[in-house]
Protein backbone atom coordinates (compact mmCIF):
# COMPACT_ATOMS: atom_id res chain seq x y z
CA MET A 1 129.01 129.44 151.09
CA SER A 2 125.40 129.86 151.17
CA VAL A 3 124.38 133.16 149.42
CA ILE A 4 121.32 133.63 152.13
CA LYS A 5 124.16 134.17 155.63
CA LYS A 6 121.00 135.59 158.08
CA CYS A 7 118.26 133.89 159.83
CA LEU A 8 115.51 135.60 162.07
CA PHE A 9 113.55 133.91 164.46
CA PRO A 10 110.75 136.28 165.84
CA ALA A 11 110.08 134.49 169.06
CA ALA A 12 108.18 137.69 171.11
CA GLY A 13 105.16 135.77 170.86
CA TYR A 14 103.43 135.25 174.26
CA GLY A 15 102.31 131.14 173.30
CA THR A 16 99.05 131.70 175.27
CA ARG A 17 97.97 128.40 173.72
CA PHE A 18 100.24 126.84 176.10
CA LEU A 19 99.19 128.80 179.63
CA PRO A 20 100.14 128.01 181.99
CA ALA A 21 103.48 126.73 181.28
CA THR A 22 104.00 129.52 178.86
CA LYS A 23 103.47 131.77 181.70
CA ALA A 24 107.69 131.65 182.77
CA MET A 25 108.25 129.67 179.50
CA PRO A 26 108.94 130.74 176.47
CA LYS A 27 107.39 128.31 174.27
CA GLU A 28 109.94 128.27 171.92
CA MET A 29 111.97 126.66 174.51
CA LEU A 30 108.97 123.81 174.57
CA PRO A 31 110.50 120.53 174.17
CA ILE A 32 110.74 117.94 171.06
CA VAL A 33 111.64 114.77 173.43
CA THR A 34 114.44 116.63 174.57
CA LYS A 35 115.60 119.76 172.54
CA PRO A 36 113.64 122.87 172.68
CA LEU A 37 111.71 123.92 169.73
CA ILE A 38 113.50 126.82 168.49
CA GLN A 39 116.94 124.72 168.73
CA TYR A 40 115.14 122.45 166.10
CA GLY A 41 115.34 125.45 163.88
CA VAL A 42 119.00 126.81 164.37
CA GLU A 43 119.73 123.20 163.01
CA GLU A 44 117.46 123.75 160.22
CA ALA A 45 119.39 127.22 159.32
CA MET A 46 122.84 125.57 160.04
CA ASP A 47 122.09 122.72 157.85
CA ALA A 48 121.37 125.50 155.44
CA GLY A 49 124.78 127.40 155.37
CA ILE A 50 123.23 130.47 157.70
CA THR A 51 125.24 131.16 161.05
CA GLU A 52 124.46 134.33 161.94
CA ILE A 53 120.56 134.12 164.18
CA GLY A 54 119.31 136.90 165.10
CA ILE A 55 116.53 136.16 167.51
CA VAL A 56 114.15 139.10 167.99
CA THR A 57 111.96 138.37 171.71
CA GLY A 58 110.56 139.61 174.42
CA ARG A 59 110.13 140.32 177.64
CA GLY A 60 110.42 137.07 179.40
CA LYS A 61 112.20 135.39 176.82
CA ARG A 62 115.66 135.42 179.14
CA ALA A 63 115.79 131.62 178.28
CA ILE A 64 116.15 131.75 174.88
CA GLU A 65 119.65 133.45 175.61
CA ASP A 66 120.49 131.37 178.09
CA TYR A 67 120.13 128.63 176.17
CA PHE A 68 122.72 129.63 173.53
CA ASP A 69 125.50 130.50 176.24
CA ILE A 70 127.61 128.03 178.33
CA SER A 71 126.13 127.38 181.61
CA TYR A 72 129.87 127.07 183.85
CA GLU A 73 128.67 125.39 186.70
CA LEU A 74 125.92 122.14 184.79
CA GLU A 75 128.74 121.97 182.20
CA GLN A 76 131.09 121.50 185.68
CA GLU A 77 128.39 119.24 187.57
CA ILE A 78 128.62 116.57 184.28
CA ALA A 79 132.31 116.83 183.29
CA GLY A 80 133.65 113.17 183.09
CA SER A 81 130.34 111.37 183.55
CA ASP A 82 128.14 110.33 180.14
CA LYS A 83 125.67 112.67 180.68
CA GLU A 84 128.17 115.58 179.66
CA GLU A 85 127.97 114.19 175.28
CA LEU A 86 124.04 115.35 175.61
CA LEU A 87 125.42 118.99 175.22
CA ASN A 88 126.69 118.20 172.16
CA SER A 89 124.03 119.20 169.37
CA THR A 90 124.09 123.12 171.44
CA ARG A 91 128.26 122.82 171.78
CA GLU A 92 128.48 122.15 168.12
CA ILE A 93 125.63 125.28 167.53
CA MET A 94 127.51 127.57 170.04
CA ASP A 95 131.20 126.74 167.92
CA ARG A 96 129.10 127.68 164.42
CA CYS A 97 127.07 130.11 164.68
CA THR A 98 126.51 133.97 166.57
CA PHE A 99 123.48 135.11 167.75
CA SER A 100 122.68 138.57 168.43
CA TYR A 101 119.27 139.86 169.66
CA THR A 102 116.50 142.56 170.26
CA ARG A 103 113.55 142.88 171.75
CA GLN A 104 109.66 143.66 170.62
CA VAL A 105 108.74 146.64 172.69
CA GLU A 106 104.82 146.03 171.34
CA MET A 107 102.95 142.96 169.85
CA LYS A 108 102.14 144.41 166.46
CA GLY A 109 101.99 141.41 164.23
CA LEU A 110 104.61 139.22 162.46
CA GLY A 111 105.51 142.36 160.19
CA HIS A 112 106.73 144.64 162.33
CA ALA A 113 108.55 141.68 164.75
CA ILE A 114 110.64 141.64 161.05
CA LEU A 115 110.98 145.71 160.90
CA VAL A 116 112.46 145.52 164.65
CA GLY A 117 114.47 142.61 163.27
CA GLU A 118 116.51 144.76 160.39
CA THR A 119 119.07 146.22 162.76
CA LEU A 120 120.53 142.52 162.94
CA ILE A 121 119.92 141.85 159.50
CA GLY A 122 120.65 145.01 156.99
CA ARG A 123 120.34 145.24 153.36
CA GLU A 124 121.15 141.61 152.89
CA PRO A 125 118.21 138.79 151.68
CA PHE A 126 117.96 136.70 154.99
CA ALA A 127 115.40 133.82 156.19
CA VAL A 128 112.67 134.03 158.17
CA VAL A 129 112.01 130.98 160.71
CA LEU A 130 109.17 130.63 162.81
CA ALA A 131 109.79 128.41 165.38
CA ASP A 132 106.05 126.88 166.15
CA ASP A 133 106.33 125.25 162.66
CA TYR A 134 107.99 121.91 163.42
CA CYS A 135 109.57 120.46 159.83
CA VAL A 136 111.41 117.28 159.13
CA THR A 137 112.15 116.25 155.93
CA GLU A 138 114.10 112.32 155.13
CA GLY A 139 117.25 114.90 152.59
CA ASP A 140 117.32 118.55 151.96
CA GLY A 141 115.87 120.45 154.93
CA VAL A 142 113.40 122.83 153.99
CA LEU A 143 115.47 126.28 154.24
CA THR A 144 118.41 124.27 152.41
CA GLN A 145 115.29 123.82 149.48
CA MET A 146 114.27 127.71 149.88
CA VAL A 147 118.34 128.77 149.41
CA LYS A 148 118.61 126.87 146.71
CA LEU A 149 115.80 128.12 144.72
CA TYR A 150 116.23 132.05 146.13
CA GLU A 151 120.05 130.96 143.72
CA LYS A 152 118.01 130.86 141.00
CA TYR A 153 115.08 132.96 141.08
CA GLN A 154 116.47 136.02 143.49
CA CYS A 155 112.97 137.46 144.79
CA SER A 156 111.36 136.69 148.42
CA ILE A 157 110.38 132.64 148.47
CA VAL A 158 107.31 131.89 150.82
CA ALA A 159 107.18 127.94 151.84
CA ILE A 160 103.60 126.89 150.75
CA GLU A 161 101.29 123.03 151.71
CA GLU A 162 97.96 122.30 150.62
CA GLY A 163 96.03 122.59 153.86
CA PRO A 164 92.03 122.15 153.93
CA MET A 165 89.22 124.35 152.69
CA ASP A 166 87.84 124.82 156.02
CA GLU A 167 91.20 126.13 157.24
CA THR A 168 92.53 128.74 155.63
CA HIS A 169 91.15 131.39 158.48
CA LYS A 170 94.57 130.26 160.10
CA TYR A 171 97.53 130.83 157.97
CA SER A 172 98.09 133.46 155.16
CA VAL A 173 97.21 132.01 151.79
CA ILE A 174 98.55 132.50 147.90
CA ALA A 175 97.50 131.76 144.61
CA GLY A 176 99.93 131.70 141.75
CA ASP A 177 101.09 130.11 138.54
CA LEU A 178 102.79 127.05 138.14
CA GLU A 179 106.12 127.80 137.09
CA ALA A 180 108.00 124.30 138.42
CA ASP A 181 106.90 121.17 139.98
CA GLY A 182 105.60 123.18 143.26
CA VAL A 183 107.00 126.16 142.16
CA TYR A 184 104.40 129.29 141.60
CA ARG A 185 104.77 132.62 140.85
CA VAL A 186 102.68 134.19 143.24
CA HIS A 187 100.00 136.97 142.73
CA ASN A 188 97.73 136.70 145.39
CA MET A 189 98.53 137.00 149.18
CA VAL A 190 95.19 136.40 151.39
CA GLU A 191 95.99 137.36 155.43
CA LYS A 192 93.38 134.63 156.95
CA PRO A 193 90.42 134.67 154.74
CA ALA A 194 87.26 132.60 155.33
CA PRO A 195 87.50 129.88 153.01
CA GLU A 196 84.56 131.30 151.11
CA ASN A 197 87.19 134.72 150.53
CA ALA A 198 90.25 132.60 149.62
CA PRO A 199 92.50 132.42 146.64
CA SER A 200 93.08 128.36 146.74
CA ASN A 201 94.19 126.00 150.12
CA LEU A 202 98.08 126.59 149.62
CA ALA A 203 98.91 128.06 152.49
CA ILE A 204 102.28 129.39 153.99
CA ILE A 205 104.20 128.14 156.42
CA GLY A 206 107.17 129.25 158.40
CA ARG A 207 109.57 130.14 156.44
CA TYR A 208 110.77 132.37 153.95
CA ILE A 209 113.50 133.64 152.16
CA LEU A 210 113.46 138.19 152.27
CA SER A 211 114.92 139.82 149.82
CA PRO A 212 116.32 143.33 151.67
CA ASP A 213 114.00 145.66 150.13
CA ILE A 214 111.12 143.88 152.18
CA PHE A 215 111.54 146.72 155.39
CA ASP A 216 111.27 149.48 153.56
CA VAL A 217 107.84 147.75 152.11
CA ILE A 218 106.88 146.74 154.67
CA ARG A 219 106.92 150.14 156.58
CA SER A 220 105.26 151.66 153.63
CA THR A 221 102.52 149.42 154.53
CA PRO A 222 99.81 150.03 156.36
CA PRO A 223 98.48 148.19 159.20
CA GLY A 224 95.95 145.28 157.96
CA LYS A 225 94.12 142.13 160.00
CA ASN A 226 93.83 142.97 163.69
CA GLY A 227 95.23 146.61 163.15
CA GLU A 228 98.98 144.31 163.15
CA MET A 229 101.29 145.12 160.46
CA GLN A 230 101.28 142.00 157.95
CA ILE A 231 104.81 140.79 156.24
CA THR A 232 101.75 138.97 154.10
CA ASP A 233 100.56 143.02 153.01
CA ALA A 234 103.63 143.57 152.62
CA LEU A 235 104.47 139.99 150.40
CA GLN A 236 101.74 140.94 148.25
CA ILE A 237 103.18 144.28 147.18
CA GLN A 238 106.18 142.34 145.96
CA ALA A 239 103.86 140.24 144.89
CA GLN A 240 101.82 142.88 142.24
CA GLN A 241 105.65 143.27 140.94
CA GLY A 242 106.50 139.06 140.40
CA ASN A 243 108.91 138.96 142.93
CA VAL A 244 107.58 136.06 145.08
CA ILE A 245 107.79 132.53 144.82
CA GLY A 246 105.82 129.73 146.38
CA TYR A 247 107.77 126.61 147.23
CA ARG A 248 106.00 123.83 148.24
CA PHE A 249 108.61 122.10 149.95
CA GLN A 250 109.62 118.69 150.98
CA GLY A 251 108.49 117.34 153.74
CA ARG A 252 106.22 117.04 156.85
CA ARG A 253 105.21 120.48 158.43
CA PHE A 254 103.76 120.41 162.55
CA ASP A 255 101.71 123.37 163.79
CA CYS A 256 103.58 123.46 166.95
CA GLY A 257 102.44 126.19 168.25
CA SER A 258 98.98 124.30 168.45
CA VAL A 259 98.63 122.00 171.52
CA ASP A 260 98.03 118.80 169.39
CA GLY A 261 100.24 119.69 166.78
CA PHE A 262 103.16 120.12 169.26
CA ILE A 263 101.47 116.26 170.56
CA ASP A 264 101.79 115.05 167.35
CA ALA A 265 105.75 116.52 166.34
CA THR A 266 106.32 115.02 169.95
CA ASN A 267 105.63 110.85 169.12
CA TYR A 268 106.91 111.45 165.46
CA THR A 269 110.29 112.09 166.70
CA TYR A 270 110.06 109.93 169.85
CA ASN A 271 109.06 107.26 167.51
CA ALA A 272 111.85 107.85 164.81
CA GLN A 273 114.64 108.54 167.89
CA SER A 274 113.65 104.92 168.92
CA ALA A 275 113.18 102.78 165.91
């Protein structure tokens, strides 16, 4: 049994970089080949032994709830045909996982979205997946790797990757002391710094394991960049106490929040499935 039982998916954003498609379709439902982004994230959580899925939604996101549910009309239509097996992956998810939902009424940053999810999590450590970040690995999934680390360090963990210095303004960036291969004890975190102000080129991607006290820390942290509640600012407070690990995960990440990254992920996955 995984020590982490719950995973939170912040999914209330507007997906403006994919307009006009996202005018009526959640960006989390954009398909990489035949499966939506959020399904890949749920499967990654499930592979890590996490089966209690909490999703923070917003207006226009009903399709996510419908997706992880039975469609009686569709299943009756394809019953007995060779298309029936195409739903096997979603059936397995629904058999193994439970889903809970709550709404983020106002968009006030990732920290706020996570705080809204407190009602779904309670007082226990939990994972956070941003479905925009699509990760592929040859062995254990990224969350599986991070759960194993949590069992050792028992503190918040952020997945990081090395990126170009001229792109630090797109990400949260960490600095820390190397404790083991790919493992850093974080002492500084900055939300989307200009390259000249970046403490390193190690950028946080959309995979977190957070200790339960993070909710109280977020509540007591003043708004940061753009007047939003930044999870980076809350994690920085934990980092000052030595309670954040940065982990250079094994695998490849595609930024599917951008059109270029989404196309790259689609091509990669299609070629991998066709091989």
